[in-house]
PDB file of N, CA and C in Angstrom:
ATOM      1  N   MET A   1       0.843  -1.179   0.000  1.00  0.00           N
ATOM      2  CA  MET A   1       0.000   0.000   0.000  1.00  0.00           C
ATOM      3  C   MET A   1       0.891   1.246   0.000  1.00  0.00           C
ATOM      4  N   ILE A   2       0.560   2.202  -0.839  1.00  0.00           N
ATOM      5  CA  ILE A   2       1.316   3.444  -0.921  1.00  0.00           C
ATOM      6  C   ILE A   2       0.779   4.418   0.116  1.00  0.00           C
ATOM      7  N   LYS A   3       1.693   4.980   0.926  1.00  0.00           N
ATOM      8  CA  LYS A   3       1.287   5.953   1.926  1.00  0.00           C
ATOM      9  C   LYS A   3       1.073   7.311   1.257  1.00  0.00           C
ATOM     10  N   PRO A   4       0.023   8.030   1.668  1.00  0.00           N
ATOM     11  CA  PRO A   4      -0.184   9.368   1.104  1.00  0.00           C
ATOM     12  C   PRO A   4       0.932  10.313   1.530  1.00  0.00           C
ATOM     13  N   ILE A   5       1.221  11.287   0.678  1.00  0.00           N
ATOM     14  CA  ILE A   5       2.253  12.263   0.979  1.00  0.00           C
ATOM     15  C   ILE A   5       1.693  13.276   1.962  1.00  0.00           C
ATOM     16  N   LYS A   6       2.419  13.486   3.055  1.00  0.00           N
ATOM     17  CA  LYS A   6       1.995  14.456   4.055  1.00  0.00           C
ATOM     18  C   LYS A   6       2.222  15.861   3.496  1.00  0.00           C
ATOM     19  N   PRO A   7       1.181  16.707   3.513  1.00  0.00           N
ATOM     20  CA  PRO A   7       1.335  18.048   2.956  1.00  0.00           C
ATOM     21  C   PRO A   7       2.241  18.927   3.813  1.00  0.00           C
ATOM     22  N   ILE A   8       2.941  19.813   3.147  1.00  0.00           N
ATOM     23  CA  ILE A   8       3.766  20.803   3.826  1.00  0.00           C
ATOM     24  C   ILE A   8       2.840  21.917   4.288  1.00  0.00           C
ATOM     25  N   LYS A   9       2.934  22.292   5.558  1.00  0.00           N
ATOM     26  CA  LYS A   9       2.159  23.426   6.064  1.00  0.00           C
ATOM     27  C   LYS A   9       2.896  24.698   5.694  1.00  0.00           C
ATOM     28  N   THR A  10       2.176  25.681   5.177  1.00  0.00           N
ATOM     29  CA  THR A  10       2.801  26.929   4.744  1.00  0.00           C
ATOM     30  C   THR A  10       1.830  28.086   4.922  1.00  0.00           C
ATOM     31  N   THR A  11       2.323  29.262   4.657  1.00  0.00           N
ATOM     32  CA  THR A  11       1.463  30.448   4.667  1.00  0.00           C
ATOM     33  C   THR A  11       1.048  30.748   3.232  1.00  0.00           C
ATOM     34  N   ASN A  12       0.037  31.575   3.088  1.00  0.00           N
ATOM     35  CA  ASN A  12      -0.389  31.975   1.744  1.00  0.00           C
ATOM     36  C   ASN A  12       0.760  32.624   0.986  1.00  0.00           C
ATOM     37  N   THR A  13       1.491  33.482   1.664  1.00  0.00           N
ATOM     38  CA  THR A  13       2.542  34.242   0.980  1.00  0.00           C
ATOM     39  C   THR A  13       3.739  33.395   0.576  1.00  0.00           C
ATOM     40  N   LYS A  14       3.861  32.195   1.123  1.00  0.00           N
ATOM     41  CA  LYS A  14       4.995  31.322   0.783  1.00  0.00           C
ATOM     42  C   LYS A  14       4.610  30.130  -0.086  1.00  0.00           C
ATOM     43  N   CYS A  15       3.350  30.043  -0.493  1.00  0.00           N
ATOM     44  CA  CYS A  15       2.917  28.839  -1.216  1.00  0.00           C
ATOM     45  C   CYS A  15       3.370  28.799  -2.670  1.00  0.00           C
ATOM     46  N   ARG A  16       3.665  29.945  -3.294  1.00  0.00           N
ATOM     47  CA  ARG A  16       3.996  29.960  -4.717  1.00  0.00           C
ATOM     48  C   ARG A  16       5.168  29.033  -5.050  1.00  0.00           C
ATOM     49  N   ALA A  17       6.212  29.048  -4.246  1.00  0.00           N
ATOM     50  CA  ALA A  17       7.367  28.187  -4.512  1.00  0.00           C
ATOM     51  C   ALA A  17       6.970  26.712  -4.486  1.00  0.00           C
ATOM     52  N   LEU A  18       6.045  26.355  -3.613  1.00  0.00           N
ATOM     53  CA  LEU A  18       5.576  24.967  -3.544  1.00  0.00           C
ATOM     54  C   LEU A  18       4.732  24.619  -4.764  1.00  0.00           C
ATOM     55  N   VAL A  19       3.938  25.571  -5.222  1.00  0.00           N
ATOM     56  CA  VAL A  19       3.145  25.360  -6.448  1.00  0.00           C
ATOM     57  C   VAL A  19       4.094  25.178  -7.629  1.00  0.00           C
ATOM     58  N   GLN A  20       5.081  26.047  -7.751  1.00  0.00           N
ATOM     59  CA  GLN A  20       6.025  25.964  -8.867  1.00  0.00           C
ATOM     60  C   GLN A  20       6.770  24.629  -8.879  1.00  0.00           C
ATOM     61  N   ALA A  21       7.021  24.081  -7.695  1.00  0.00           N
ATOM     62  CA  ALA A  21       7.719  22.790  -7.590  1.00  0.00           C
ATOM     63  C   ALA A  21       6.747  21.612  -7.559  1.00  0.00           C
ATOM     64  N   GLN A  22       5.454  21.876  -7.702  1.00  0.00           N
ATOM     65  CA  GLN A  22       4.397  20.864  -7.653  1.00  0.00           C
ATOM     66  C   GLN A  22       4.494  20.010  -6.379  1.00  0.00           C
ATOM     67  N   ARG A  23       4.620  20.675  -5.243  1.00  0.00           N
ATOM     68  CA  ARG A  23       4.688  19.998  -3.948  1.00  0.00           C
ATOM     69  C   ARG A  23       3.309  20.000  -3.285  1.00  0.00           C
ATOM     70  N   THR A  24       3.029  18.970  -2.527  1.00  0.00           N
ATOM     71  CA  THR A  24       1.787  18.878  -1.781  1.00  0.00           C
ATOM     72  C   THR A  24       1.871  19.828  -0.591  1.00  0.00           C
ATOM     73  N   PHE A  25       0.874  20.711  -0.446  1.00  0.00           N
ATOM     74  CA  PHE A  25       0.899  21.683   0.648  1.00  0.00           C
ATOM     75  C   PHE A  25      -0.515  22.034   1.091  1.00  0.00           C
ATOM     76  N   LYS A  26      -0.600  22.640   2.262  1.00  0.00           N
ATOM     77  CA  LYS A  26      -1.837  23.237   2.780  1.00  0.00           C
ATOM     78  C   LYS A  26      -1.448  24.527   3.487  1.00  0.00           C
ATOM     79  N   ASN A  27      -2.297  25.545   3.338  1.00  0.00           N
ATOM     80  CA  ASN A  27      -2.046  26.758   4.104  1.00  0.00           C
ATOM     81  C   ASN A  27      -2.489  26.535   5.547  1.00  0.00           C
ATOM     82  N   SER A  28      -2.293  27.536   6.395  1.00  0.00           N
ATOM     83  CA  SER A  28      -2.521  27.355   7.834  1.00  0.00           C
ATOM     84  C   SER A  28      -3.955  26.981   8.187  1.00  0.00           C
ATOM     85  N   ASN A  29      -4.947  27.444   7.441  1.00  0.00           N
ATOM     86  CA  ASN A  29      -6.328  27.059   7.742  1.00  0.00           C
ATOM     87  C   ASN A  29      -6.875  26.011   6.759  1.00  0.00           C
ATOM     88  N   CYS A  30      -6.006  25.449   5.939  1.00  0.00           N
ATOM     89  CA  CYS A  30      -6.326  24.361   5.008  1.00  0.00           C
ATOM     90  C   CYS A  30      -7.340  24.746   3.929  1.00  0.00           C
ATOM     91  N   GLN A  31      -7.506  26.041   3.680  1.00  0.00           N
ATOM     92  CA  GLN A  31      -8.444  26.475   2.648  1.00  0.00           C
ATOM     93  C   GLN A  31      -7.787  26.609   1.278  1.00  0.00           C
ATOM     94  N   LEU A  32      -6.475  26.688   1.247  1.00  0.00           N
ATOM     95  CA  LEU A  32      -5.705  26.726  -0.004  1.00  0.00           C
ATOM     96  C   LEU A  32      -4.736  25.566   0.061  1.00  0.00           C
ATOM     97  N   TYR A  33      -4.790  24.696  -0.944  1.00  0.00           N
ATOM     98  CA  TYR A  33      -3.894  23.546  -0.908  1.00  0.00           C
ATOM     99  C   TYR A  33      -3.587  23.044  -2.311  1.00  0.00           C
ATOM    100  N   GLY A  34      -2.456  22.382  -2.429  1.00  0.00           N
ATOM    101  CA  GLY A  34      -2.041  21.768  -3.680  1.00  0.00           C
ATOM    102  C   GLY A  34      -1.762  20.305  -3.456  1.00  0.00           C
ATOM    103  N   MET A  35      -2.132  19.486  -4.423  1.00  0.00           N
ATOM    104  CA  MET A  35      -1.941  18.039  -4.277  1.00  0.00           C
ATOM    105  C   MET A  35      -1.882  17.376  -5.642  1.00  0.00           C
ATOM    106  N   TRP A  36      -1.301  16.194  -5.644  1.00  0.00           N
ATOM    107  CA  TRP A  36      -1.320  15.371  -6.843  1.00  0.00           C
ATOM    108  C   TRP A  36      -2.664  14.677  -6.883  1.00  0.00           C
ATOM    109  N   HIS A  37      -3.425  14.963  -7.924  1.00  0.00           N
ATOM    110  CA  HIS A  37      -4.745  14.356  -8.070  1.00  0.00           C
ATOM    111  C   HIS A  37      -4.611  12.921  -8.568  1.00  0.00           C
ATOM    112  N   ASN A  38      -3.649  12.684  -9.412  1.00  0.00           N
ATOM    113  CA  ASN A  38      -3.254  11.350  -9.854  1.00  0.00           C
ATOM    114  C   ASN A  38      -1.766  11.467 -10.182  1.00  0.00           C
ATOM    115  N   PRO A  39      -1.083  10.398 -10.569  1.00  0.00           N
ATOM    116  CA  PRO A  39       0.362  10.505 -10.798  1.00  0.00           C
ATOM    117  C   PRO A  39       0.779  11.494 -11.881  1.00  0.00           C
ATOM    118  N   CYS A  40      -0.147  11.977 -12.666  1.00  0.00           N
ATOM    119  CA  CYS A  40       0.190  12.869 -13.774  1.00  0.00           C
ATOM    120  C   CYS A  40      -0.469  14.236 -13.694  1.00  0.00           C
ATOM    121  N   LEU A  41      -1.175  14.538 -12.635  1.00  0.00           N
ATOM    122  CA  LEU A  41      -1.924  15.784 -12.578  1.00  0.00           C
ATOM    123  C   LEU A  41      -1.836  16.413 -11.190  1.00  0.00           C
ATOM    124  N   TYR A  42      -1.198  17.583 -11.140  1.00  0.00           N
ATOM    125  CA  TYR A  42      -1.073  18.364  -9.912  1.00  0.00           C
ATOM    126  C   TYR A  42      -2.110  19.477  -9.956  1.00  0.00           C
ATOM    127  N   VAL A  43      -2.844  19.663  -8.845  1.00  0.00           N
ATOM    128  CA  VAL A  43      -3.929  20.632  -8.812  1.00  0.00           C
ATOM    129  C   VAL A  43      -3.844  21.465  -7.535  1.00  0.00           C
ATOM    130  N   VAL A  44      -4.082  22.764  -7.679  1.00  0.00           N
ATOM    131  CA  VAL A  44      -4.170  23.685  -6.547  1.00  0.00           C
ATOM    132  C   VAL A  44      -5.636  24.063  -6.384  1.00  0.00           C
ATOM    133  N   TYR A  45      -6.149  23.931  -5.160  1.00  0.00           N
ATOM    134  CA  TYR A  45      -7.563  24.181  -4.875  1.00  0.00           C
ATOM    135  C   TYR A  45      -7.738  25.337  -3.896  1.00  0.00           C
ATOM    136  N   SER A  46      -8.876  25.997  -4.008  1.00  0.00           N
ATOM    137  CA  SER A  46      -9.305  27.000  -3.045  1.00  0.00           C
ATOM    138  C   SER A  46     -10.641  26.556  -2.466  1.00  0.00           C
ATOM    139  N   TYR A  47     -10.697  26.376  -1.172  1.00  0.00           N
ATOM    140  CA  TYR A  47     -11.925  25.991  -0.468  1.00  0.00           C
ATOM    141  C   TYR A  47     -12.490  24.634  -0.866  1.00  0.00           C
ATOM    142  N   GLY A  48     -11.708  23.757  -1.423  1.00  0.00           N
ATOM    143  CA  GLY A  48     -12.189  22.413  -1.717  1.00  0.00           C
ATOM    144  C   GLY A  48     -12.062  22.032  -3.176  1.00  0.00           C
ATOM    145  N   GLU A  49     -12.291  20.785  -3.440  1.00  0.00           N
ATOM    146  CA  GLU A  49     -12.103  20.245  -4.780  1.00  0.00           C
ATOM    147  C   GLU A  49     -13.151  20.727  -5.770  1.00  0.00           C
ATOM    148  N   HIS A  50     -14.151  21.449  -5.310  1.00  0.00           N
ATOM    149  CA  HIS A  50     -15.144  22.045  -6.213  1.00  0.00           C
ATOM    150  C   HIS A  50     -14.577  23.297  -6.886  1.00  0.00           C
ATOM    151  N   TRP A  51     -13.398  23.798  -6.433  1.00  0.00           N
ATOM    152  CA  TRP A  51     -12.844  25.021  -7.017  1.00  0.00           C
ATOM    153  C   TRP A  51     -11.356  24.878  -7.294  1.00  0.00           C
ATOM    154  N   PRO A  52     -11.004  24.171  -8.393  1.00  0.00           N
ATOM    155  CA  PRO A  52      -9.590  24.095  -8.768  1.00  0.00           C
ATOM    156  C   PRO A  52      -9.122  25.454  -9.295  1.00  0.00           C
ATOM    157  N   LEU A  53      -8.016  25.949  -8.758  1.00  0.00           N
ATOM    158  CA  LEU A  53      -7.449  27.220  -9.222  1.00  0.00           C
ATOM    159  C   LEU A  53      -6.481  27.015 -10.363  1.00  0.00           C
ATOM    160  N   PHE A  54      -5.561  26.063 -10.185  1.00  0.00           N
ATOM    161  CA  PHE A  54      -4.520  25.792 -11.168  1.00  0.00           C
ATOM    162  C   PHE A  54      -4.359  24.284 -11.318  1.00  0.00           C
ATOM    163  N   ALA A  55      -3.963  23.863 -12.514  1.00  0.00           N
ATOM    164  CA  ALA A  55      -3.657  22.447 -12.754  1.00  0.00           C
ATOM    165  C   ALA A  55      -2.447  22.373 -13.671  1.00  0.00           C
ATOM    166  N   TRP A  56      -1.605  21.389 -13.415  1.00  0.00           N
ATOM    167  CA  TRP A  56      -0.407  21.156 -14.228  1.00  0.00           C
ATOM    168  C   TRP A  56      -0.406  19.694 -14.641  1.00  0.00           C
ATOM    169  N   ASP A  57      -0.320  19.441 -15.954  1.00  0.00           N
ATOM    170  CA  ASP A  57      -0.376  18.063 -16.458  1.00  0.00           C
ATOM    171  C   ASP A  57       0.962  17.565 -16.995  1.00  0.00           C
ATOM    172  N   GLY A  58       2.034  18.246 -16.651  1.00  0.00           N
ATOM    173  CA  GLY A  58       3.348  17.845 -17.152  1.00  0.00           C
ATOM    174  C   GLY A  58       3.723  18.548 -18.436  1.00  0.00           C
ATOM    175  N   PHE A  59       2.760  19.202 -19.059  1.00  0.00           N
ATOM    176  CA  PHE A  59       2.990  19.918 -20.304  1.00  0.00           C
ATOM    177  C   PHE A  59       2.688  21.403 -20.163  1.00  0.00           C
ATOM    178  N   ALA A  60       1.610  21.717 -19.443  1.00  0.00           N
ATOM    179  CA  ALA A  60       1.158  23.103 -19.356  1.00  0.00           C
ATOM    180  C   ALA A  60       0.439  23.346 -18.035  1.00  0.00           C
ATOM    181  N   TRP A  61       0.410  24.607 -17.663  1.00  0.00           N
ATOM    182  CA  TRP A  61      -0.389  25.062 -16.532  1.00  0.00           C
ATOM    183  C   TRP A  61      -1.724  25.577 -17.054  1.00  0.00           C
ATOM    184  N   TYR A  62      -2.789  25.275 -16.320  1.00  0.00           N
ATOM    185  CA  TYR A  62      -4.129  25.751 -16.619  1.00  0.00           C
ATOM    186  C   TYR A  62      -4.615  26.544 -15.417  1.00  0.00           C
ATOM    187  N   ALA A  63      -5.344  27.636 -15.679  1.00  0.00           N
ATOM    188  CA  ALA A  63      -5.822  28.506 -14.611  1.00  0.00           C
ATOM    189  C   ALA A  63      -7.318  28.731 -14.738  1.00  0.00           C
ATOM    190  N   ASN A  64      -7.994  28.671 -13.623  1.00  0.00           N
ATOM    191  CA  ASN A  64      -9.422  28.918 -13.543  1.00  0.00           C
ATOM    192  C   ASN A  64      -9.657  30.423 -13.639  1.00  0.00           C
ATOM    193  N   THR A  65     -10.446  30.863 -14.600  1.00  0.00           N
ATOM    194  CA  THR A  65     -10.696  32.291 -14.796  1.00  0.00           C
ATOM    195  C   THR A  65     -11.986  32.775 -14.138  1.00  0.00           C
ATOM    196  N   ASP A  66     -12.800  31.863 -13.624  1.00  0.00           N
ATOM    197  CA  ASP A  66     -14.048  32.274 -12.983  1.00  0.00           C
ATOM    198  C   ASP A  66     -13.756  32.923 -11.625  1.00  0.00           C
ATOM    199  N   LYS A  67     -14.628  33.815 -11.218  1.00  0.00           N
ATOM    200  CA  LYS A  67     -14.494  34.511  -9.940  1.00  0.00           C
ATOM    201  C   LYS A  67     -15.465  33.910  -8.934  1.00  0.00           C
ATOM    202  N   ALA A  68     -15.006  33.805  -7.672  1.00  0.00           N
ATOM    203  CA  ALA A  68     -15.867  33.235  -6.645  1.00  0.00           C
ATOM    204  C   ALA A  68     -16.013  34.167  -5.448  1.00  0.00           C
ATOM    205  N   SER A  69     -14.907  34.557  -4.846  1.00  0.00           N
ATOM    206  CA  SER A  69     -14.945  35.413  -3.662  1.00  0.00           C
ATOM    207  C   SER A  69     -13.643  36.200  -3.588  1.00  0.00           C
ATOM    208  N   VAL A  70     -13.620  37.159  -2.687  1.00  0.00           N
ATOM    209  CA  VAL A  70     -12.402  37.940  -2.486  1.00  0.00           C
ATOM    210  C   VAL A  70     -11.274  37.031  -2.003  1.00  0.00           C
ATOM    211  N   THR A  71     -11.573  36.126  -1.098  1.00  0.00           N
ATOM    212  CA  THR A  71     -10.536  35.228  -0.578  1.00  0.00           C
ATOM    213  C   THR A  71     -10.003  34.310  -1.670  1.00  0.00           C
ATOM    214  N   THR A  72     -10.876  33.779  -2.515  1.00  0.00           N
ATOM    215  CA  THR A  72     -10.417  32.934  -3.611  1.00  0.00           C
ATOM    216  C   THR A  72      -9.550  33.743  -4.577  1.00  0.00           C
ATOM    217  N   SER A  73      -9.885  34.989  -4.810  1.00  0.00           N
ATOM    218  CA  SER A  73      -9.032  35.850  -5.644  1.00  0.00           C
ATOM    219  C   SER A  73      -7.662  36.039  -5.007  1.00  0.00           C
ATOM    220  N   HIS A  74      -7.622  36.169  -3.693  1.00  0.00           N
ATOM    221  CA  HIS A  74      -6.334  36.251  -2.993  1.00  0.00           C
ATOM    222  C   HIS A  74      -5.559  34.943  -3.143  1.00  0.00           C
ATOM    223  N   HIS A  75      -6.243  33.817  -2.978  1.00  0.00           N
ATOM    224  CA  HIS A  75      -5.593  32.516  -3.163  1.00  0.00           C
ATOM    225  C   HIS A  75      -4.988  32.420  -4.563  1.00  0.00           C
ATOM    226  N   TYR A  76      -5.746  32.884  -5.553  1.00  0.00           N
ATOM    227  CA  TYR A  76      -5.277  32.863  -6.938  1.00  0.00           C
ATOM    228  C   TYR A  76      -3.972  33.655  -7.063  1.00  0.00           C
ATOM    229  N   SER A  77      -3.943  34.831  -6.478  1.00  0.00           N
ATOM    230  CA  SER A  77      -2.744  35.676  -6.558  1.00  0.00           C
ATOM    231  C   SER A  77      -1.558  35.044  -5.846  1.00  0.00           C
ATOM    232  N   TYR A  78      -1.788  34.492  -4.660  1.00  0.00           N
ATOM    233  CA  TYR A  78      -0.693  33.883  -3.901  1.00  0.00           C
ATOM    234  C   TYR A  78      -0.138  32.634  -4.592  1.00  0.00           C
ATOM    235  N   ALA A  79      -1.026  31.822  -5.172  1.00  0.00           N
ATOM    236  CA  ALA A  79      -0.620  30.519  -5.701  1.00  0.00           C
ATOM    237  C   ALA A  79      -0.246  30.527  -7.179  1.00  0.00           C
ATOM    238  N   HIS A  80      -0.464  31.616  -7.876  1.00  0.00           N
ATOM    239  CA  HIS A  80      -0.179  31.659  -9.312  1.00  0.00           C
ATOM    240  C   HIS A  80       1.277  31.243  -9.554  1.00  0.00           C
ATOM    241  N   PRO A  81       1.523  30.295 -10.455  1.00  0.00           N
ATOM    242  CA  PRO A  81       2.893  29.797 -10.666  1.00  0.00           C
ATOM    243  C   PRO A  81       3.825  30.781 -11.377  1.00  0.00           C
ATOM    244  N   HIS A  82       3.315  31.908 -11.808  1.00  0.00           N
ATOM    245  CA  HIS A  82       4.110  32.946 -12.504  1.00  0.00           C
ATOM    246  C   HIS A  82       4.808  32.419 -13.746  1.00  0.00           C
ATOM    247  N   VAL A  83       4.068  31.622 -14.493  1.00  0.00           N
ATOM    248  CA  VAL A  83       4.475  31.160 -15.817  1.00  0.00           C
ATOM    249  C   VAL A  83       3.263  31.357 -16.720  1.00  0.00           C
ATOM    250  N   THR A  84       3.432  31.139 -17.987  1.00  0.00           N
ATOM    251  CA  THR A  84       2.298  31.229 -18.907  1.00  0.00           C
ATOM    252  C   THR A  84       1.278  30.156 -18.544  1.00  0.00           C
ATOM    253  N   VAL A  85       0.021  30.559 -18.451  1.00  0.00           N
ATOM    254  CA  VAL A  85      -1.060  29.615 -18.143  1.00  0.00           C
ATOM    255  C   VAL A  85      -2.095  29.638 -19.258  1.00  0.00           C
ATOM    256  N   GLN A  86      -2.752  28.520 -19.436  1.00  0.00           N
ATOM    257  CA  GLN A  86      -3.885  28.421 -20.352  1.00  0.00           C
ATOM    258  C   GLN A  86      -5.126  28.731 -19.524  1.00  0.00           C
ATOM    259  N   GLU A  87      -5.832  29.791 -19.844  1.00  0.00           N
ATOM    260  CA  GLU A  87      -6.989  30.192 -19.063  1.00  0.00           C
ATOM    261  C   GLU A  87      -8.233  29.409 -19.472  1.00  0.00           C
ATOM    262  N   ARG A  88      -8.921  28.875 -18.466  1.00  0.00           N
ATOM    263  CA  ARG A  88     -10.125  28.078 -18.688  1.00  0.00           C
ATOM    264  C   ARG A  88     -11.150  28.418 -17.607  1.00  0.00           C
ATOM    265  N   ASN A  89     -12.427  28.141 -17.861  1.00  0.00           N
ATOM    266  CA  ASN A  89     -13.437  28.393 -16.838  1.00  0.00           C
ATOM    267  C   ASN A  89     -13.475  27.238 -15.827  1.00  0.00           C
ATOM    268  N   CYS A  90     -14.231  27.444 -14.760  1.00  0.00           N
ATOM    269  CA  CYS A  90     -14.252  26.465 -13.678  1.00  0.00           C
ATOM    270  C   CYS A  90     -14.804  25.113 -14.127  1.00  0.00           C
ATOM    271  N   ASP A  91     -15.851  25.121 -14.939  1.00  0.00           N
ATOM    272  CA  ASP A  91     -16.412  23.846 -15.418  1.00  0.00           C
ATOM    273  C   ASP A  91     -15.379  23.052 -16.214  1.00  0.00           C
ATOM    274  N   TRP A  92     -14.618  23.731 -17.075  1.00  0.00           N
ATOM    275  CA  TRP A  92     -13.565  23.054 -17.844  1.00  0.00           C
ATOM    276  C   TRP A  92     -12.530  22.478 -16.891  1.00  0.00           C
ATOM    277  N   MET A  93     -12.124  23.272 -15.893  1.00  0.00           N
ATOM    278  CA  MET A  93     -11.118  22.811 -14.931  1.00  0.00           C
ATOM    279  C   MET A  93     -11.603  21.572 -14.172  1.00  0.00           C
ATOM    280  N   LYS A  94     -12.842  21.597 -13.710  1.00  0.00           N
ATOM    281  CA  LYS A  94     -13.379  20.446 -12.971  1.00  0.00           C
ATOM    282  C   LYS A  94     -13.426  19.207 -13.856  1.00  0.00           C
ATOM    283  N   HIS A  95     -13.825  19.378 -15.103  1.00  0.00           N
ATOM    284  CA  HIS A  95     -13.860  18.244 -16.035  1.00  0.00           C
ATOM    285  C   HIS A  95     -12.439  17.720 -16.283  1.00  0.00           C
ATOM    286  N   PHE A  96     -11.499  18.623 -16.461  1.00  0.00           N
ATOM    287  CA  PHE A  96     -10.106  18.254 -16.679  1.00  0.00           C
ATOM    288  C   PHE A  96      -9.571  17.445 -15.510  1.00  0.00           C
ATOM    289  N   VAL A  97      -9.844  17.906 -14.292  1.00  0.00           N
ATOM    290  CA  VAL A  97      -9.387  17.194 -13.100  1.00  0.00           C
ATOM    291  C   VAL A  97     -10.078  15.837 -12.995  1.00  0.00           C
ATOM    292  N   ALA A  98     -11.375  15.785 -13.259  1.00  0.00           N
ATOM    293  CA  ALA A  98     -12.135  14.539 -13.130  1.00  0.00           C
ATOM    294  C   ALA A  98     -11.708  13.481 -14.141  1.00  0.00           C
ATOM    295  N   THR A  99     -11.296  13.912 -15.327  1.00  0.00           N
ATOM    296  CA  THR A  99     -10.942  12.944 -16.364  1.00  0.00           C
ATOM    297  C   THR A  99      -9.445  12.677 -16.434  1.00  0.00           C
ATOM    298  N   GLY A 100      -8.676  13.363 -15.624  1.00  0.00           N
ATOM    299  CA  GLY A 100      -7.233  13.119 -15.621  1.00  0.00           C
ATOM    300  C   GLY A 100      -6.497  14.078 -16.516  1.00  0.00           C
ATOM    301  N   ARG A 101      -5.704  13.530 -17.395  1.00  0.00           N
ATOM    302  CA  ARG A 101      -4.840  14.354 -18.236  1.00  0.00           C
ATOM    303  C   ARG A 101      -5.553  14.843 -19.487  1.00  0.00           C
ATOM    304  N   ASN A 102      -4.960  15.822 -20.093  1.00  0.00           N
ATOM    305  CA  ASN A 102      -5.481  16.389 -21.329  1.00  0.00           C
ATOM    306  C   ASN A 102      -5.190  15.407 -22.464  1.00  0.00           C
ATOM    307  N   ILE A 103      -6.210  14.738 -22.950  1.00  0.00           N
ATOM    308  CA  ILE A 103      -6.041  13.684 -23.956  1.00  0.00           C
ATOM    309  C   ILE A 103      -5.417  14.215 -25.244  1.00  0.00           C
ATOM    310  N   PHE A 104      -5.693  15.458 -25.583  1.00  0.00           N
ATOM    311  CA  PHE A 104      -5.102  16.011 -26.803  1.00  0.00           C
ATOM    312  C   PHE A 104      -3.595  16.154 -26.668  1.00  0.00           C
ATOM    313  N   ARG A 105      -3.113  16.534 -25.511  1.00  0.00           N
ATOM    314  CA  ARG A 105      -1.670  16.620 -25.272  1.00  0.00           C
ATOM    315  C   ARG A 105      -1.046  15.229 -25.338  1.00  0.00           C
ATOM    316  N   GLN A 106      -1.723  14.249 -24.778  1.00  0.00           N
ATOM    317  CA  GLN A 106      -1.207  12.883 -24.825  1.00  0.00           C
ATOM    318  C   GLN A 106      -1.076  12.405 -26.270  1.00  0.00           C
ATOM    319  N   MET A 107      -2.075  12.692 -27.091  1.00  0.00           N
ATOM    320  CA  MET A 107      -2.037  12.253 -28.487  1.00  0.00           C
ATOM    321  C   MET A 107      -0.908  12.953 -29.234  1.00  0.00           C
ATOM    322  N   ASP A 108      -0.718  14.259 -28.995  1.00  0.00           N
ATOM    323  CA  ASP A 108       0.375  14.994 -29.639  1.00  0.00           C
ATOM    324  C   ASP A 108       1.722  14.396 -29.265  1.00  0.00           C
ATOM    325  N   ALA A 109       1.901  14.107 -27.978  1.00  0.00           N
ATOM    326  CA  ALA A 109       3.176  13.540 -27.514  1.00  0.00           C
ATOM    327  C   ALA A 109       3.428  12.174 -28.157  1.00  0.00           C
ATOM    328  N   PHE A 110       2.377  11.368 -28.234  1.00  0.00           N
ATOM    329  CA  PHE A 110       2.526  10.037 -28.840  1.00  0.00           C
ATOM    330  C   PHE A 110       2.879  10.148 -30.310  1.00  0.00           C
ATOM    331  N   GLN A 111       2.196  11.027 -31.034  1.00  0.00           N
ATOM    332  CA  GLN A 111       2.415  11.162 -32.466  1.00  0.00           C
ATOM    333  C   GLN A 111       3.786  11.746 -32.801  1.00  0.00           C
ATOM    334  N   THR A 112       4.296  12.614 -31.939  1.00  0.00           N
ATOM    335  CA  THR A 112       5.604  13.230 -32.203  1.00  0.00           C
ATOM    336  C   THR A 112       6.744  12.406 -31.624  1.00  0.00           C
ATOM    337  N   GLY A 113       6.426  11.397 -30.828  1.00  0.00           N
ATOM    338  CA  GLY A 113       7.461  10.555 -30.249  1.00  0.00           C
ATOM    339  C   GLY A 113       8.175  11.193 -29.071  1.00  0.00           C
ATOM    340  N   ILE A 114       7.629  12.289 -28.552  1.00  0.00           N
ATOM    341  CA  ILE A 114       8.260  12.965 -27.416  1.00  0.00           C
ATOM    342  C   ILE A 114       8.105  12.141 -26.154  1.00  0.00           C
ATOM    343  N   GLY A 115       7.013  11.462 -26.015  1.00  0.00           N
ATOM    344  CA  GLY A 115       6.750  10.697 -24.800  1.00  0.00           C
ATOM    345  C   GLY A 115       5.969  11.529 -23.810  1.00  0.00           C
ATOM    346  N   LEU A 116       5.573  10.913 -22.729  1.00  0.00           N
ATOM    347  CA  LEU A 116       4.763  11.583 -21.736  1.00  0.00           C
ATOM    348  C   LEU A 116       5.578  11.839 -20.486  1.00  0.00           C
ATOM    349  N   ALA A 117       5.422  13.014 -19.922  1.00  0.00           N
ATOM    350  CA  ALA A 117       6.098  13.338 -18.667  1.00  0.00           C
ATOM    351  C   ALA A 117       5.416  12.585 -17.536  1.00  0.00           C
ATOM    352  N   ALA A 118       6.185  12.100 -16.610  1.00  0.00           N
ATOM    353  CA  ALA A 118       5.611  11.358 -15.477  1.00  0.00           C
ATOM    354  C   ALA A 118       5.143  12.288 -14.406  1.00  0.00           C
TER     355      ALA A 118
END
């Protein structure tokens, strides 16, 4: 049995480095956190899995463009990976997380022989 990775406790202002390194973390009140959703998909959430802020599939970062609350907007600012992101709405993000990886990226990698990032 694989043991779950214990999240690193951090502050909002220090979480960006953990997001950039795709590390599992939780802020002090556990309302902002990042975790591996599956072995190929890292996701940062605000207030629960119903609101993915950012997702990384080994190829690209995706960002939720929908607005929810002032606190979620703050979470977005603190956790933004400061790289180019593909902007998507919340429904797209939830579907992406629920289905795993971006199948179109997988097909491109297979066809070009680049392979898939783990």
